[in-house]
Protein backbone atom coordinates (compact mmCIF):
# COMPACT_ATOMS: atom_id res chain seq x y z
CA UNK A 1 -10.53 -1.05 -4.98
CA UNK A 2 -12.87 1.90 -5.39
CA UNK A 3 -11.81 4.95 -7.38
CA UNK A 4 -9.98 7.47 -5.21
CA UNK A 5 -8.65 5.01 -2.63
CA UNK A 6 -4.97 5.23 -1.70
CA UNK A 7 -3.10 2.03 -2.36
CA UNK A 8 0.45 0.79 -2.45
CA UNK A 9 2.48 -2.36 -2.83
CA UNK A 10 5.63 -3.94 -1.46
CA UNK A 11 8.07 -5.89 -3.59
CA UNK A 12 10.34 -8.35 -1.82
CA UNK A 13 12.27 -9.31 -4.97
CA UNK A 14 14.91 -7.30 -6.83
CA UNK A 15 12.62 -6.93 -9.83
CA UNK A 16 8.85 -6.78 -10.24
CA UNK A 17 6.31 -6.06 -12.93
CA UNK A 18 3.14 -4.25 -11.85
CA UNK A 19 -0.09 -4.16 -13.84
CA UNK A 20 -2.67 -1.61 -12.76
CA UNK A 21 -6.22 -1.56 -14.08
CA UNK A 22 -7.55 1.97 -14.40
CA UNK A 23 -10.88 3.54 -15.20
CA UNK A 24 -9.42 6.05 -17.67
CA UNK A 25 -6.23 7.36 -19.21
CA UNK A 26 -3.37 8.34 -16.91
CA UNK A 27 -2.72 12.06 -16.60
CA UNK A 28 0.20 13.56 -14.67
CA UNK A 29 -2.03 16.46 -13.56
CA UNK A 30 -4.38 13.98 -11.84
CA UNK A 31 -1.66 11.96 -10.11
CA UNK A 32 -1.37 12.30 -6.33
CA UNK A 33 1.20 10.82 -3.98
CA UNK A 34 1.61 10.34 -0.25
CA UNK A 35 4.88 9.77 1.54
CA UNK A 36 5.22 6.28 2.95
CA UNK A 37 6.76 7.65 6.18
CA UNK A 38 4.19 10.38 6.92
CA UNK A 39 4.56 11.17 10.64
CA UNK A 40 0.83 11.85 11.00
CA UNK A 41 -1.01 9.20 8.99
CA UNK A 42 -4.79 9.17 9.09
CA UNK A 43 -5.44 5.50 9.74
CA UNK A 44 -8.60 3.70 10.61
CA UNK A 45 -8.49 2.16 14.10
CA UNK A 46 -8.38 -1.30 12.47
CA UNK A 47 -5.28 -0.37 10.43
CA UNK A 48 -3.58 1.46 13.31
CA UNK A 49 -3.82 -1.67 15.47
CA UNK A 50 -2.54 -4.01 12.75
CA UNK A 51 0.68 -5.93 13.50
CA UNK A 52 4.02 -5.00 11.99
CA UNK A 53 5.24 -7.26 9.17
CA UNK A 54 7.77 -9.01 11.44
CA UNK A 55 5.04 -9.71 14.00
CA UNK A 56 2.71 -11.14 11.33
CA UNK A 57 5.51 -13.35 10.00
CA UNK A 58 6.37 -14.58 13.51
CA UNK A 59 2.70 -15.41 14.10
CA UNK A 60 2.60 -17.40 10.84
CA UNK A 61 0.01 -15.03 9.32
CA UNK A 62 2.09 -14.19 6.22
CA UNK A 63 5.02 -15.74 4.39
CA UNK A 64 8.17 -13.73 3.85
């Protein structure tokens, strides 16, 4: 993904190992976070109309 894009991940197991490729060294002063439950997310129309996980599973679009 391009530099500066917000991203996240979901782990369905009790333990996971995440590898993240970066373009430079990590620095706490450069780290930014967003709450997952933000009441006013700024979503693209495409993302706002996306199905919930349970709906995608029921439709056979993802495996859970």
